[in-house]
Amino acid sequence: MKDGTRIGELARAAGSTVQTIRYYERLGLLPSPARSASGYRLYTREALERLRFIRQAQAARFRLEEIKEILRLRYAGRSPCDCVRKMLEQRLEEVERELADLARFRRVLRRVLNRSQQLPRLPHSASAICPLIETIPSTGRKAKGGKNK
């Protein structure tokens, strides 16, 4: 890719989309590019390198706001490695908590399944929707796409 590349070419080179590149610009992950006389965005090789870095950081499960901070430090002339190390330590703590929560939930599911053998099948007209689900204790976790109240 050469300097002065338009957004579609950059997107293809980076394995991204035009919409993602524009979004990253709005968030400040990519600097605003120069513009051609006709208003087209013109990108440098550095933009491609940043996009590749962002994708790699996302694959390592860094959040966009964390990536922005890493880039800010780097382009301010500072090494982001200490910051990244702290982020990784925090992420490890989060993963450890999630694994413990999942292990507890697995035990609950096993108990419910074992007890399910003793529950009678309810007729379609029963007042309970599904006693199996109703016997699972709430874990306080949000359902995907929804919120707990």
N, C-alpha and C. Protein backbone atom coordinates (compact mmCIF):
# COMPACT_ATOMS: atom_id res chain seq x y z
N MET A 1 0.84 -1.18 0.00
CA MET A 1 0.00 0.00 0.00
C MET A 1 0.88 1.24 0.00
N LYS A 2 0.54 2.21 -0.77
CA LYS A 2 1.30 3.46 -0.85
C LYS A 2 0.59 4.56 -0.08
N ASP A 3 1.34 5.59 0.27
CA ASP A 3 0.72 6.76 0.90
C ASP A 3 -0.24 7.39 -0.10
N GLY A 4 -1.30 7.99 0.42
CA GLY A 4 -2.31 8.59 -0.45
C GLY A 4 -3.36 7.61 -0.90
N THR A 5 -3.47 6.50 -0.17
CA THR A 5 -4.45 5.47 -0.49
C THR A 5 -5.83 5.88 0.00
N ARG A 6 -6.83 5.60 -0.80
CA ARG A 6 -8.21 5.93 -0.42
C ARG A 6 -8.76 4.88 0.53
N ILE A 7 -9.87 5.21 1.15
CA ILE A 7 -10.42 4.41 2.25
C ILE A 7 -10.78 2.97 1.85
N GLY A 8 -11.34 2.79 0.67
CA GLY A 8 -11.70 1.44 0.24
C GLY A 8 -10.48 0.55 0.08
N GLU A 9 -9.40 1.11 -0.47
CA GLU A 9 -8.16 0.34 -0.63
C GLU A 9 -7.57 0.01 0.74
N LEU A 10 -7.61 0.96 1.64
CA LEU A 10 -7.11 0.72 3.00
C LEU A 10 -7.91 -0.39 3.67
N ALA A 11 -9.22 -0.33 3.54
CA ALA A 11 -10.08 -1.34 4.15
C ALA A 11 -9.71 -2.73 3.62
N ARG A 12 -9.55 -2.85 2.31
CA ARG A 12 -9.18 -4.15 1.73
C ARG A 12 -7.82 -4.61 2.24
N ALA A 13 -6.85 -3.71 2.26
CA ALA A 13 -5.50 -4.06 2.70
C ALA A 13 -5.47 -4.50 4.16
N ALA A 14 -6.33 -3.90 4.97
CA ALA A 14 -6.35 -4.20 6.41
C ALA A 14 -7.32 -5.33 6.76
N GLY A 15 -8.11 -5.79 5.78
CA GLY A 15 -9.12 -6.81 6.10
C GLY A 15 -10.21 -6.23 6.98
N SER A 16 -10.56 -4.99 6.71
CA SER A 16 -11.54 -4.27 7.52
C SER A 16 -12.66 -3.77 6.60
N THR A 17 -13.46 -2.87 7.13
CA THR A 17 -14.52 -2.25 6.33
C THR A 17 -14.37 -0.74 6.38
N VAL A 18 -14.94 -0.08 5.41
CA VAL A 18 -14.94 1.38 5.37
C VAL A 18 -15.63 1.92 6.62
N GLN A 19 -16.74 1.32 7.00
CA GLN A 19 -17.48 1.79 8.18
C GLN A 19 -16.62 1.68 9.45
N THR A 20 -15.87 0.59 9.57
CA THR A 20 -15.02 0.41 10.75
C THR A 20 -13.93 1.47 10.80
N ILE A 21 -13.34 1.76 9.65
CA ILE A 21 -12.29 2.78 9.60
C ILE A 21 -12.85 4.14 10.01
N ARG A 22 -14.01 4.49 9.50
CA ARG A 22 -14.63 5.77 9.88
C ARG A 22 -14.96 5.80 11.38
N TYR A 23 -15.43 4.68 11.90
CA TYR A 23 -15.73 4.58 13.33
C TYR A 23 -14.46 4.77 14.16
N TYR A 24 -13.37 4.14 13.76
CA TYR A 24 -12.11 4.28 14.48
C TYR A 24 -11.62 5.73 14.43
N GLU A 25 -11.85 6.41 13.32
CA GLU A 25 -11.48 7.83 13.24
C GLU A 25 -12.30 8.64 14.24
N ARG A 26 -13.60 8.38 14.31
CA ARG A 26 -14.46 9.12 15.25
C ARG A 26 -14.03 8.89 16.69
N LEU A 27 -13.57 7.66 17.00
CA LEU A 27 -13.13 7.34 18.35
C LEU A 27 -11.73 7.87 18.66
N GLY A 28 -11.01 8.26 17.64
CA GLY A 28 -9.64 8.74 17.84
C GLY A 28 -8.60 7.64 17.79
N LEU A 29 -8.99 6.45 17.36
CA LEU A 29 -8.02 5.36 17.21
C LEU A 29 -7.15 5.57 15.98
N LEU A 30 -7.70 6.20 14.99
CA LEU A 30 -6.97 6.58 13.78
C LEU A 30 -7.03 8.10 13.66
N PRO A 31 -5.90 8.71 13.32
CA PRO A 31 -5.95 10.17 13.14
C PRO A 31 -6.75 10.51 11.88
N SER A 32 -7.29 11.71 11.86
CA SER A 32 -8.00 12.16 10.67
C SER A 32 -7.00 12.23 9.52
N PRO A 33 -7.35 11.63 8.39
CA PRO A 33 -6.41 11.61 7.27
C PRO A 33 -6.44 12.92 6.49
N ALA A 34 -5.43 13.08 5.66
CA ALA A 34 -5.43 14.21 4.72
C ALA A 34 -6.57 13.98 3.74
N ARG A 35 -6.96 15.02 3.06
CA ARG A 35 -8.04 14.93 2.07
C ARG A 35 -7.52 15.36 0.70
N SER A 36 -8.06 14.71 -0.31
CA SER A 36 -7.73 15.12 -1.68
C SER A 36 -8.50 16.40 -2.00
N ALA A 37 -8.20 16.98 -3.14
CA ALA A 37 -8.90 18.21 -3.56
C ALA A 37 -10.40 17.96 -3.68
N SER A 38 -10.77 16.73 -4.02
CA SER A 38 -12.20 16.41 -4.16
C SER A 38 -12.81 15.87 -2.86
N GLY A 39 -12.04 15.88 -1.76
CA GLY A 39 -12.59 15.52 -0.46
C GLY A 39 -12.39 14.07 -0.04
N TYR A 40 -11.74 13.25 -0.88
CA TYR A 40 -11.51 11.85 -0.50
C TYR A 40 -10.46 11.76 0.61
N ARG A 41 -10.69 10.83 1.54
CA ARG A 41 -9.70 10.58 2.57
C ARG A 41 -8.48 9.93 1.91
N LEU A 42 -7.29 10.36 2.33
CA LEU A 42 -6.05 9.80 1.80
C LEU A 42 -5.20 9.31 2.96
N TYR A 43 -4.95 8.01 2.99
CA TYR A 43 -4.29 7.38 4.12
C TYR A 43 -2.83 7.07 3.83
N THR A 44 -2.06 7.02 4.92
CA THR A 44 -0.65 6.66 4.84
C THR A 44 -0.46 5.21 5.25
N ARG A 45 0.74 4.71 5.05
CA ARG A 45 1.09 3.35 5.46
C ARG A 45 0.91 3.19 6.97
N GLU A 46 1.14 4.27 7.71
CA GLU A 46 0.98 4.23 9.17
C GLU A 46 -0.46 3.87 9.56
N ALA A 47 -1.43 4.33 8.80
CA ALA A 47 -2.83 4.01 9.09
C ALA A 47 -3.05 2.51 8.96
N LEU A 48 -2.45 1.90 7.94
CA LEU A 48 -2.56 0.45 7.78
C LEU A 48 -1.92 -0.27 8.95
N GLU A 49 -0.76 0.18 9.38
CA GLU A 49 -0.08 -0.43 10.53
C GLU A 49 -0.92 -0.30 11.79
N ARG A 50 -1.55 0.86 11.98
CA ARG A 50 -2.41 1.05 13.15
C ARG A 50 -3.61 0.11 13.10
N LEU A 51 -4.24 0.01 11.93
CA LEU A 51 -5.39 -0.89 11.80
C LEU A 51 -5.00 -2.32 12.11
N ARG A 52 -3.87 -2.74 11.63
CA ARG A 52 -3.40 -4.11 11.92
C ARG A 52 -3.14 -4.28 13.41
N PHE A 53 -2.55 -3.26 14.04
CA PHE A 53 -2.32 -3.32 15.49
C PHE A 53 -3.65 -3.42 16.24
N ILE A 54 -4.62 -2.60 15.85
CA ILE A 54 -5.93 -2.61 16.51
C ILE A 54 -6.55 -3.99 16.41
N ARG A 55 -6.51 -4.59 15.23
CA ARG A 55 -7.08 -5.94 15.06
C ARG A 55 -6.36 -6.96 15.93
N GLN A 56 -5.03 -6.86 15.99
CA GLN A 56 -4.26 -7.78 16.82
C GLN A 56 -4.60 -7.58 18.30
N ALA A 57 -4.72 -6.34 18.74
CA ALA A 57 -5.06 -6.06 20.13
C ALA A 57 -6.47 -6.56 20.45
N GLN A 58 -7.41 -6.40 19.51
CA GLN A 58 -8.77 -6.92 19.72
C GLN A 58 -8.76 -8.44 19.80
N ALA A 59 -7.93 -9.08 18.99
CA ALA A 59 -7.84 -10.54 19.05
C ALA A 59 -7.32 -11.00 20.41
N ALA A 60 -6.52 -10.13 21.05
CA ALA A 60 -6.03 -10.42 22.40
C ALA A 60 -7.03 -9.95 23.46
N ARG A 61 -8.22 -9.57 23.01
CA ARG A 61 -9.35 -9.16 23.84
C ARG A 61 -9.17 -7.84 24.57
N PHE A 62 -8.38 -6.95 23.98
CA PHE A 62 -8.31 -5.60 24.52
C PHE A 62 -9.54 -4.84 24.02
N ARG A 63 -10.08 -4.00 24.88
CA ARG A 63 -11.24 -3.18 24.52
C ARG A 63 -10.76 -1.96 23.74
N LEU A 64 -11.64 -1.37 22.96
CA LEU A 64 -11.25 -0.23 22.14
C LEU A 64 -10.73 0.93 22.98
N GLU A 65 -11.33 1.18 24.14
CA GLU A 65 -10.83 2.28 24.97
C GLU A 65 -9.43 1.97 25.50
N GLU A 66 -9.13 0.69 25.74
CA GLU A 66 -7.78 0.32 26.17
C GLU A 66 -6.78 0.49 25.02
N ILE A 67 -7.20 0.09 23.84
CA ILE A 67 -6.34 0.24 22.66
C ILE A 67 -6.06 1.72 22.41
N LYS A 68 -7.06 2.54 22.59
CA LYS A 68 -6.88 3.99 22.41
C LYS A 68 -5.83 4.51 23.38
N GLU A 69 -5.87 4.06 24.62
CA GLU A 69 -4.89 4.50 25.62
C GLU A 69 -3.48 4.01 25.25
N ILE A 70 -3.37 2.78 24.78
CA ILE A 70 -2.08 2.25 24.36
C ILE A 70 -1.51 3.09 23.21
N LEU A 71 -2.35 3.38 22.24
CA LEU A 71 -1.91 4.20 21.10
C LEU A 71 -1.54 5.62 21.54
N ARG A 72 -2.33 6.18 22.46
CA ARG A 72 -2.05 7.53 22.95
C ARG A 72 -0.66 7.58 23.60
N LEU A 73 -0.36 6.59 24.43
CA LEU A 73 0.95 6.54 25.08
C LEU A 73 2.06 6.42 24.05
N ARG A 74 1.86 5.52 23.12
CA ARG A 74 2.89 5.26 22.11
C ARG A 74 3.18 6.50 21.27
N TYR A 75 2.12 7.17 20.82
CA TYR A 75 2.32 8.33 19.96
C TYR A 75 2.63 9.60 20.74
N ALA A 76 2.62 9.51 22.07
CA ALA A 76 3.10 10.60 22.91
C ALA A 76 4.58 10.39 23.24
N GLY A 77 5.16 9.34 22.65
CA GLY A 77 6.58 9.08 22.85
C GLY A 77 6.90 8.25 24.07
N ARG A 78 5.88 7.65 24.67
CA ARG A 78 6.10 6.83 25.87
C ARG A 78 5.87 5.37 25.53
N SER A 79 6.52 4.49 26.27
CA SER A 79 6.31 3.06 26.08
C SER A 79 5.01 2.65 26.77
N PRO A 80 4.13 1.97 26.06
CA PRO A 80 2.87 1.55 26.69
C PRO A 80 2.97 0.22 27.43
N CYS A 81 4.16 -0.37 27.47
CA CYS A 81 4.27 -1.74 27.99
C CYS A 81 3.85 -1.88 29.46
N ASP A 82 4.20 -0.91 30.32
CA ASP A 82 3.77 -1.01 31.73
C ASP A 82 2.25 -0.94 31.82
N CYS A 83 1.66 -0.06 31.03
CA CYS A 83 0.21 0.07 31.00
C CYS A 83 -0.44 -1.23 30.51
N VAL A 84 0.13 -1.81 29.48
CA VAL A 84 -0.40 -3.06 28.92
C VAL A 84 -0.28 -4.17 29.96
N ARG A 85 0.83 -4.21 30.66
CA ARG A 85 1.02 -5.24 31.69
C ARG A 85 -0.08 -5.14 32.76
N LYS A 86 -0.40 -3.92 33.18
CA LYS A 86 -1.46 -3.72 34.18
C LYS A 86 -2.82 -4.15 33.62
N MET A 87 -3.06 -3.80 32.36
CA MET A 87 -4.32 -4.22 31.72
C MET A 87 -4.42 -5.74 31.67
N LEU A 88 -3.31 -6.40 31.34
CA LEU A 88 -3.31 -7.85 31.27
C LEU A 88 -3.54 -8.48 32.65
N GLU A 89 -2.94 -7.88 33.69
CA GLU A 89 -3.16 -8.38 35.04
C GLU A 89 -4.63 -8.25 35.43
N GLN A 90 -5.24 -7.10 35.10
CA GLN A 90 -6.66 -6.91 35.40
C GLN A 90 -7.52 -7.90 34.63
N ARG A 91 -7.18 -8.11 33.36
CA ARG A 91 -7.95 -9.05 32.54
C ARG A 91 -7.84 -10.47 33.09
N LEU A 92 -6.65 -10.85 33.55
CA LEU A 92 -6.47 -12.17 34.15
C LEU A 92 -7.34 -12.33 35.39
N GLU A 93 -7.41 -11.29 36.22
CA GLU A 93 -8.28 -11.33 37.40
C GLU A 93 -9.74 -11.51 36.99
N GLU A 94 -10.17 -10.78 35.95
CA GLU A 94 -11.55 -10.91 35.45
C GLU A 94 -11.82 -12.32 34.96
N VAL A 95 -10.88 -12.88 34.22
CA VAL A 95 -11.05 -14.23 33.68
C VAL A 95 -11.12 -15.25 34.82
N GLU A 96 -10.27 -15.07 35.83
CA GLU A 96 -10.29 -15.99 36.98
C GLU A 96 -11.64 -15.94 37.69
N ARG A 97 -12.20 -14.72 37.86
CA ARG A 97 -13.53 -14.59 38.49
C ARG A 97 -14.60 -15.26 37.63
N GLU A 98 -14.53 -15.02 36.32
CA GLU A 98 -15.52 -15.63 35.42
C GLU A 98 -15.43 -17.15 35.44
N LEU A 99 -14.21 -17.68 35.47
CA LEU A 99 -14.06 -19.14 35.53
C LEU A 99 -14.64 -19.71 36.82
N ALA A 100 -14.43 -19.01 37.93
CA ALA A 100 -15.00 -19.45 39.20
C ALA A 100 -16.52 -19.41 39.13
N ASP A 101 -17.08 -18.33 38.56
CA ASP A 101 -18.54 -18.23 38.40
C ASP A 101 -19.07 -19.37 37.52
N LEU A 102 -18.37 -19.63 36.44
CA LEU A 102 -18.82 -20.71 35.54
C LEU A 102 -18.73 -22.07 36.21
N ALA A 103 -17.71 -22.29 37.01
CA ALA A 103 -17.59 -23.57 37.73
C ALA A 103 -18.75 -23.75 38.71
N ARG A 104 -19.11 -22.65 39.42
CA ARG A 104 -20.27 -22.73 40.33
C ARG A 104 -21.54 -23.01 39.54
N PHE A 105 -21.71 -22.33 38.42
CA PHE A 105 -22.92 -22.51 37.62
C PHE A 105 -22.99 -23.93 37.05
N ARG A 106 -21.86 -24.49 36.66
CA ARG A 106 -21.82 -25.87 36.17
C ARG A 106 -22.32 -26.83 37.26
N ARG A 107 -21.88 -26.60 38.51
CA ARG A 107 -22.35 -27.46 39.62
C ARG A 107 -23.86 -27.34 39.79
N VAL A 108 -24.39 -26.12 39.70
CA VAL A 108 -25.84 -25.89 39.82
C VAL A 108 -26.57 -26.64 38.71
N LEU A 109 -26.09 -26.51 37.48
CA LEU A 109 -26.75 -27.19 36.36
C LEU A 109 -26.73 -28.71 36.54
N ARG A 110 -25.64 -29.24 37.02
CA ARG A 110 -25.58 -30.70 37.26
C ARG A 110 -26.61 -31.12 38.30
N ARG A 111 -26.74 -30.32 39.39
CA ARG A 111 -27.72 -30.65 40.42
C ARG A 111 -29.14 -30.60 39.85
N VAL A 112 -29.43 -29.56 39.08
CA VAL A 112 -30.76 -29.41 38.49
C VAL A 112 -31.05 -30.59 37.55
N LEU A 113 -30.08 -30.94 36.73
CA LEU A 113 -30.29 -32.07 35.81
C LEU A 113 -30.49 -33.38 36.57
N ASN A 114 -29.74 -33.57 37.63
CA ASN A 114 -29.91 -34.79 38.43
C ASN A 114 -31.29 -34.84 39.07
N ARG A 115 -31.75 -33.68 39.58
CA ARG A 115 -33.08 -33.62 40.18
C ARG A 115 -34.19 -33.74 39.14
N SER A 116 -33.88 -33.37 37.91
CA SER A 116 -34.91 -33.37 36.87
C SER A 116 -35.45 -34.77 36.62
N GLN A 117 -34.67 -35.76 36.93
CA GLN A 117 -35.13 -37.14 36.73
C GLN A 117 -36.30 -37.46 37.67
N GLN A 118 -36.38 -36.74 38.80
CA GLN A 118 -37.43 -37.01 39.77
C GLN A 118 -38.66 -36.14 39.58
N LEU A 119 -38.57 -35.10 38.74
CA LEU A 119 -39.73 -34.24 38.53
C LEU A 119 -40.70 -34.89 37.56
N PRO A 120 -41.98 -34.83 37.89
CA PRO A 120 -42.95 -35.37 36.94
C PRO A 120 -43.11 -34.42 35.76
N ARG A 121 -43.45 -34.95 34.63
CA ARG A 121 -43.75 -34.10 33.47
C ARG A 121 -45.10 -33.47 33.71
N LEU A 122 -45.14 -32.17 33.54
CA LEU A 122 -46.39 -31.47 33.78
C LEU A 122 -47.24 -31.50 32.52
N PRO A 123 -48.54 -31.54 32.70
CA PRO A 123 -49.41 -31.45 31.52
C PRO A 123 -49.29 -30.06 30.93
N HIS A 124 -49.63 -29.94 29.69
CA HIS A 124 -49.52 -28.68 28.97
C HIS A 124 -50.29 -27.56 29.68
N SER A 125 -51.32 -27.86 30.39
CA SER A 125 -52.15 -26.85 31.04
C SER A 125 -51.64 -26.46 32.43
N ALA A 126 -50.51 -26.99 32.87
CA ALA A 126 -49.99 -26.68 34.21
C ALA A 126 -49.68 -25.19 34.33
N SER A 127 -49.74 -24.68 35.56
CA SER A 127 -49.52 -23.25 35.76
C SER A 127 -48.04 -22.87 35.62
N ALA A 128 -47.13 -23.77 35.94
CA ALA A 128 -45.70 -23.48 35.79
C ALA A 128 -45.32 -23.58 34.32
N ILE A 129 -44.46 -22.70 33.87
CA ILE A 129 -44.02 -22.77 32.48
C ILE A 129 -43.04 -23.92 32.32
N CYS A 130 -42.00 -23.96 33.15
CA CYS A 130 -41.06 -25.06 33.13
C CYS A 130 -40.38 -25.14 34.48
N PRO A 131 -40.74 -26.11 35.30
CA PRO A 131 -40.17 -26.23 36.65
C PRO A 131 -38.65 -26.38 36.64
N LEU A 132 -38.10 -26.94 35.58
CA LEU A 132 -36.64 -27.07 35.54
C LEU A 132 -35.96 -25.71 35.57
N ILE A 133 -36.43 -24.81 34.77
CA ILE A 133 -35.84 -23.47 34.75
C ILE A 133 -36.13 -22.75 36.05
N GLU A 134 -37.32 -22.93 36.58
CA GLU A 134 -37.71 -22.23 37.79
C GLU A 134 -36.95 -22.73 39.02
N THR A 135 -36.29 -23.89 38.95
CA THR A 135 -35.50 -24.37 40.08
C THR A 135 -34.04 -23.94 39.99
N ILE A 136 -33.65 -23.32 38.89
CA ILE A 136 -32.27 -22.84 38.76
C ILE A 136 -32.15 -21.52 39.50
N PRO A 137 -31.27 -21.45 40.50
CA PRO A 137 -31.14 -20.19 41.23
C PRO A 137 -30.53 -19.11 40.34
N SER A 138 -30.94 -17.88 40.60
CA SER A 138 -30.40 -16.74 39.85
C SER A 138 -28.94 -16.57 40.21
N THR A 139 -28.12 -16.32 39.18
CA THR A 139 -26.69 -16.13 39.42
C THR A 139 -26.32 -14.67 39.43
N GLY A 140 -27.29 -13.80 39.15
CA GLY A 140 -27.01 -12.38 39.09
C GLY A 140 -26.34 -11.96 37.80
N ARG A 141 -26.20 -12.91 36.89
CA ARG A 141 -25.56 -12.61 35.60
C ARG A 141 -26.60 -12.10 34.63
N LYS A 142 -26.18 -11.21 33.75
CA LYS A 142 -27.07 -10.67 32.73
C LYS A 142 -27.23 -11.71 31.63
N ALA A 143 -28.46 -11.84 31.14
CA ALA A 143 -28.68 -12.67 29.98
C ALA A 143 -28.14 -11.93 28.77
N LYS A 144 -27.61 -12.67 27.82
CA LYS A 144 -27.11 -12.02 26.61
C LYS A 144 -28.24 -11.25 25.95
N GLY A 145 -27.95 -9.98 25.66
CA GLY A 145 -28.93 -9.15 24.98
C GLY A 145 -29.97 -8.55 25.90
N GLY A 146 -29.88 -8.83 27.19
CA GLY A 146 -30.87 -8.29 28.12
C GLY A 146 -30.23 -7.82 29.39
N LYS A 147 -31.06 -7.36 30.32
CA LYS A 147 -30.55 -6.87 31.60
C LYS A 147 -31.31 -7.55 32.71
N ASN A 148 -30.60 -7.84 33.81
CA ASN A 148 -31.28 -8.31 35.02
C ASN A 148 -31.83 -7.12 35.76
N LYS A 149 -32.94 -7.30 36.43
CA LYS A 149 -33.53 -6.21 37.21
C LYS A 149 -33.49 -6.57 38.67
